[in-house]
Amino acid sequence: MRLVIAKCSVDYIGRLTAHLPPATRLLLIKADGSISIHADDRAYKPLNWMSPPCRLEEAEGQWRVVNKSGEELRITIEEILHDTSHELGIDPGLVKDGVEAHLQELLAAAPETLGAGFTLIRREYMTAIGPVDLLCRDGAGATVAVEIKRRGEIDGVEQLTRYLELLGRDPLLAPVSGIFAAQEIKPQARVLAEDRGIRCVVLDYNALRGVKKDELTLF
């Protein structure tokens, strides 16, 4: 992984155009070929990025990052303040807690829980930035990416949003919609998901397991 801190401006040229005016930013170049541009006030979310496969062309004062579709990031370098590379090795990946992993297993076995006619394409469908929990088809045959959490919060919605952006670039899958599924979904996460066209589904763990509540009733 290469970390570059530079005073730079950035222009995206593709389906639309976007401009980042000059400022000091972190340029993150990963071994998978992805390049992302970060500020110091956005948590983990980049200001702009290019997913692999793409190529980086470095020239004096300007970098060009071009992907297979011809989309381009032009990074105009005013000054490089820091430039280091580190070998991180193979990452073992995220280990989900037992309930979350079991929810994924149960939904994969019963995708119709998410909607009539749903079928499973694959569990842990890999993208350039990690695996989508479930990739399904709905009753109309359209692709649906499903992110599963025990507790649904804003970071989970952001994660699914990034997956959808990548999957939507694949002509064999597009268009791709999203479902954010969790045992509990925080109100802020629901608002953000629905604003982005992502459907929220609250999961009943016991119902998925086929366990009925042991309650006494009068009638």
Protein backbone atom coordinates (compact mmCIF):
# COMPACT_ATOMS: atom_id res chain seq x y z
CA MET A 1 0.00 0.00 0.00
CA ARG A 2 1.31 3.45 -0.94
CA LEU A 3 0.40 6.51 1.14
CA VAL A 4 0.92 9.94 -0.39
CA ILE A 5 0.05 13.19 1.37
CA ALA A 6 0.01 15.99 -1.17
CA LYS A 7 -1.31 19.44 -1.88
CA CYS A 8 -3.43 18.71 -4.92
CA SER A 9 -6.59 19.35 -6.91
CA VAL A 10 -8.64 16.58 -8.52
CA ASP A 11 -10.89 16.39 -11.58
CA TYR A 12 -13.12 13.45 -12.42
CA ILE A 13 -14.01 13.05 -16.11
CA GLY A 14 -16.56 10.39 -17.07
CA ARG A 15 -20.34 10.04 -17.05
CA LEU A 16 -20.29 13.38 -15.25
CA THR A 17 -17.60 15.80 -14.13
CA ALA A 18 -16.52 16.72 -10.61
CA HIS A 19 -13.81 18.99 -9.24
CA LEU A 20 -11.97 19.11 -5.92
CA PRO A 21 -10.18 22.45 -5.48
CA PRO A 22 -6.59 22.57 -4.18
CA ALA A 23 -6.11 21.26 -0.64
CA THR A 24 -3.90 18.91 1.33
CA ARG A 25 -5.19 15.33 0.94
CA LEU A 26 -4.25 11.69 1.41
CA LEU A 27 -3.86 9.63 -1.78
CA LEU A 28 -4.23 5.92 -1.07
CA ILE A 29 -2.92 3.50 -3.72
CA LYS A 30 -3.66 -0.15 -2.86
CA ALA A 31 -2.17 -3.37 -4.16
CA ASP A 32 -5.48 -4.29 -5.83
CA GLY A 33 -5.04 -1.27 -8.13
CA SER A 34 -7.64 0.97 -6.49
CA ILE A 35 -6.90 4.62 -5.82
CA SER A 36 -8.84 6.77 -3.36
CA ILE A 37 -8.55 10.39 -2.26
CA HIS A 38 -9.27 11.31 1.36
CA ALA A 39 -9.75 14.42 3.48
CA ASP A 40 -9.31 14.60 7.24
CA ASP A 41 -13.01 15.09 8.03
CA ARG A 42 -14.90 12.26 6.27
CA ALA A 43 -14.16 9.20 8.43
CA TYR A 44 -13.34 6.34 6.04
CA LYS A 45 -15.31 7.57 3.01
CA PRO A 46 -13.13 8.93 0.17
CA LEU A 47 -13.80 12.21 -1.61
CA ASN A 48 -13.27 10.43 -4.91
CA TRP A 49 -11.87 7.11 -6.03
CA MET A 50 -11.22 4.75 -8.94
CA SER A 51 -11.84 1.04 -8.54
CA PRO A 52 -9.74 -1.59 -10.33
CA PRO A 53 -8.96 -2.43 -13.00
CA CYS A 54 -7.36 0.94 -13.69
CA ARG A 55 -3.92 2.29 -14.50
CA LEU A 56 -1.93 5.08 -12.90
CA GLU A 57 0.22 7.30 -15.10
CA GLU A 58 2.54 9.57 -13.11
CA ALA A 59 4.06 12.67 -14.71
CA GLU A 60 5.65 15.78 -13.22
CA GLY A 61 2.89 17.67 -11.48
CA GLN A 62 0.02 15.46 -12.67
CA TRP A 63 -1.28 11.93 -12.21
CA ARG A 64 -3.79 10.34 -14.56
CA VAL A 65 -5.90 7.40 -13.36
CA VAL A 66 -7.91 5.72 -16.12
CA ASN A 67 -10.25 2.72 -15.85
CA LYS A 68 -11.38 0.27 -18.54
CA SER A 69 -14.43 2.42 -19.34
CA GLY A 70 -12.30 5.45 -20.08
CA GLU A 71 -13.32 7.30 -16.92
CA GLU A 72 -10.47 9.37 -15.59
CA LEU A 73 -9.17 11.03 -12.45
CA ARG A 74 -6.70 13.84 -13.05
CA ILE A 75 -4.74 14.69 -9.92
CA THR A 76 -2.75 17.90 -10.19
CA ILE A 77 0.10 17.78 -7.65
CA GLU A 78 1.34 21.08 -6.22
CA GLU A 79 3.56 19.60 -3.52
CA ILE A 80 4.19 16.11 -2.09
CA LEU A 81 4.56 16.19 1.67
CA HIS A 82 4.86 12.45 2.32
CA ASP A 83 5.29 9.36 0.12
CA THR A 84 5.76 5.88 1.59
CA SER A 85 4.91 2.29 0.64
CA HIS A 86 4.20 -0.62 2.97
CA GLU A 87 3.71 -4.36 2.36
CA LEU A 88 0.65 -5.39 4.40
CA GLY A 89 0.47 -9.04 3.34
CA ILE A 90 -2.69 -11.13 3.06
CA ASP A 91 -5.55 -10.04 5.30
CA PRO A 92 -7.62 -12.81 6.94
CA GLY A 93 -10.82 -10.80 6.36
CA LEU A 94 -13.68 -9.79 8.61
CA VAL A 95 -14.96 -12.40 11.02
CA LYS A 96 -18.67 -11.91 11.61
CA ASP A 97 -20.18 -12.60 14.99
CA GLY A 98 -22.14 -15.81 15.38
CA VAL A 99 -25.62 -14.32 15.09
CA GLU A 100 -24.75 -12.25 12.01
CA ALA A 101 -23.12 -15.20 10.26
CA HIS A 102 -26.12 -17.39 11.10
CA LEU A 103 -28.54 -14.76 9.77
CA GLN A 104 -26.68 -14.84 6.47
CA GLU A 105 -26.86 -18.65 6.38
CA LEU A 106 -30.58 -18.68 7.18
CA LEU A 107 -31.44 -16.04 4.57
CA ALA A 108 -29.37 -17.85 1.95
CA ALA A 109 -31.47 -20.95 2.62
CA ALA A 110 -34.74 -18.98 2.49
CA PRO A 111 -34.25 -15.95 0.20
CA GLU A 112 -38.01 -15.66 -0.29
CA THR A 113 -38.02 -14.10 3.18
CA LEU A 114 -36.81 -10.93 1.44
CA GLY A 115 -39.65 -10.93 -1.09
CA ALA A 116 -41.83 -13.15 -3.25
CA GLY A 117 -39.89 -14.96 -5.94
CA PHE A 118 -36.43 -14.15 -4.55
CA THR A 119 -33.69 -16.65 -5.41
CA LEU A 120 -30.06 -16.81 -4.33
CA ILE A 121 -27.25 -16.22 -6.81
CA ARG A 122 -24.37 -16.52 -4.35
CA ARG A 123 -23.32 -15.98 -0.77
CA GLU A 124 -20.27 -13.77 -0.11
CA TYR A 125 -20.24 -12.43 -3.69
CA MET A 126 -16.79 -10.87 -4.04
CA THR A 127 -16.20 -7.31 -5.20
CA ALA A 128 -12.99 -5.28 -5.39
CA ILE A 129 -13.67 -3.88 -1.90
CA GLY A 130 -14.99 -6.99 -0.18
CA PRO A 131 -17.80 -9.55 -0.31
CA VAL A 132 -21.50 -8.76 -0.51
CA ASP A 133 -23.35 -10.93 2.01
CA LEU A 134 -25.96 -12.19 -0.49
CA LEU A 135 -26.47 -11.59 -4.18
CA CYS A 136 -30.02 -12.49 -5.21
CA ARG A 137 -32.57 -12.13 -7.99
CA ASP A 138 -36.02 -10.81 -7.25
CA GLY A 139 -39.27 -12.11 -8.68
CA ALA A 140 -38.74 -10.09 -11.87
CA GLY A 141 -35.22 -11.45 -12.37
CA ALA A 142 -33.41 -8.22 -11.36
CA THR A 143 -30.20 -8.34 -9.30
CA VAL A 144 -30.39 -7.45 -5.60
CA ALA A 145 -27.42 -7.03 -3.23
CA VAL A 146 -28.20 -7.77 0.41
CA GLU A 147 -26.14 -6.51 3.35
CA ILE A 148 -26.92 -8.26 6.65
CA LYS A 149 -26.26 -6.85 10.11
CA ARG A 150 -27.32 -7.72 13.61
CA ARG A 151 -27.73 -4.02 14.34
CA GLY A 152 -28.22 -1.80 11.29
CA GLU A 153 -26.39 1.52 11.53
CA ILE A 154 -25.24 4.22 9.12
CA ASP A 155 -21.87 2.58 8.42
CA GLY A 156 -23.66 -0.52 7.13
CA VAL A 157 -25.68 1.60 4.70
CA GLU A 158 -22.48 3.28 3.50
CA GLN A 159 -20.91 -0.15 3.00
CA LEU A 160 -23.84 -1.38 0.91
CA THR A 161 -23.82 1.87 -1.09
CA ARG A 162 -20.21 1.25 -2.13
CA TYR A 163 -21.03 -2.34 -3.15
CA LEU A 164 -23.97 -1.13 -5.24
CA GLU A 165 -21.82 1.44 -7.02
CA LEU A 166 -19.32 -1.26 -8.02
CA LEU A 167 -21.87 -3.94 -8.92
CA GLY A 168 -23.82 -1.45 -11.04
CA ARG A 169 -20.79 -1.13 -13.33
CA ASP A 170 -21.08 -4.79 -14.34
CA PRO A 171 -23.34 -5.01 -17.42
CA LEU A 172 -24.17 -8.63 -16.58
CA LEU A 173 -25.66 -7.56 -13.23
CA ALA A 174 -26.93 -4.02 -13.76
CA PRO A 175 -29.21 -2.57 -12.68
CA VAL A 176 -28.60 -3.64 -9.07
CA SER A 177 -30.86 -2.64 -6.18
CA GLY A 178 -30.07 -3.03 -2.48
CA ILE A 179 -31.62 -4.44 0.67
CA PHE A 180 -30.33 -3.56 4.13
CA ALA A 181 -31.40 -6.39 6.44
CA ALA A 182 -30.91 -6.42 10.20
CA GLN A 183 -32.54 -7.47 13.44
CA GLU A 184 -32.68 -3.80 14.43
CA ILE A 185 -32.29 -0.78 12.14
CA LYS A 186 -31.47 2.59 13.67
CA PRO A 187 -33.77 5.45 12.56
CA GLN A 188 -30.88 7.44 11.03
CA ALA A 189 -29.74 4.39 9.06
CA ARG A 190 -33.27 3.81 7.75
CA VAL A 191 -33.58 7.44 6.61
CA LEU A 192 -30.21 7.28 4.80
CA ALA A 193 -31.01 3.91 3.19
CA GLU A 194 -34.42 4.97 1.94
CA ASP A 195 -32.99 8.25 0.63
CA ARG A 196 -30.60 6.17 -1.49
CA GLY A 197 -33.30 3.83 -2.76
CA ILE A 198 -32.23 0.95 -0.50
CA ARG A 199 -35.04 -1.14 1.00
CA CYS A 200 -34.85 -1.94 4.71
CA VAL A 201 -35.93 -5.33 6.08
CA VAL A 202 -36.14 -6.09 9.81
CA LEU A 203 -35.28 -9.73 10.49
CA ASP A 204 -36.86 -11.96 13.13
CA TYR A 205 -34.04 -14.31 14.10
CA ASN A 206 -36.27 -16.80 15.88
CA ALA A 207 -38.74 -16.92 12.99
CA LEU A 208 -35.91 -17.61 10.55
CA ARG A 209 -34.75 -20.44 12.79
CA GLY A 210 -38.29 -21.81 12.97
CA VAL A 211 -38.55 -21.16 16.71
CA LYS A 212 -41.99 -20.13 17.96
CA LYS A 213 -42.40 -17.88 20.98
CA ASP A 214 -43.28 -19.83 24.09
CA GLU A 215 -46.07 -17.60 25.34
CA LEU A 216 -49.30 -18.45 27.19
CA THR A 217 -52.46 -16.99 25.64
CA LEU A 218 -56.02 -16.89 27.00
CA PHE A 219 -57.66 -18.01 23.74
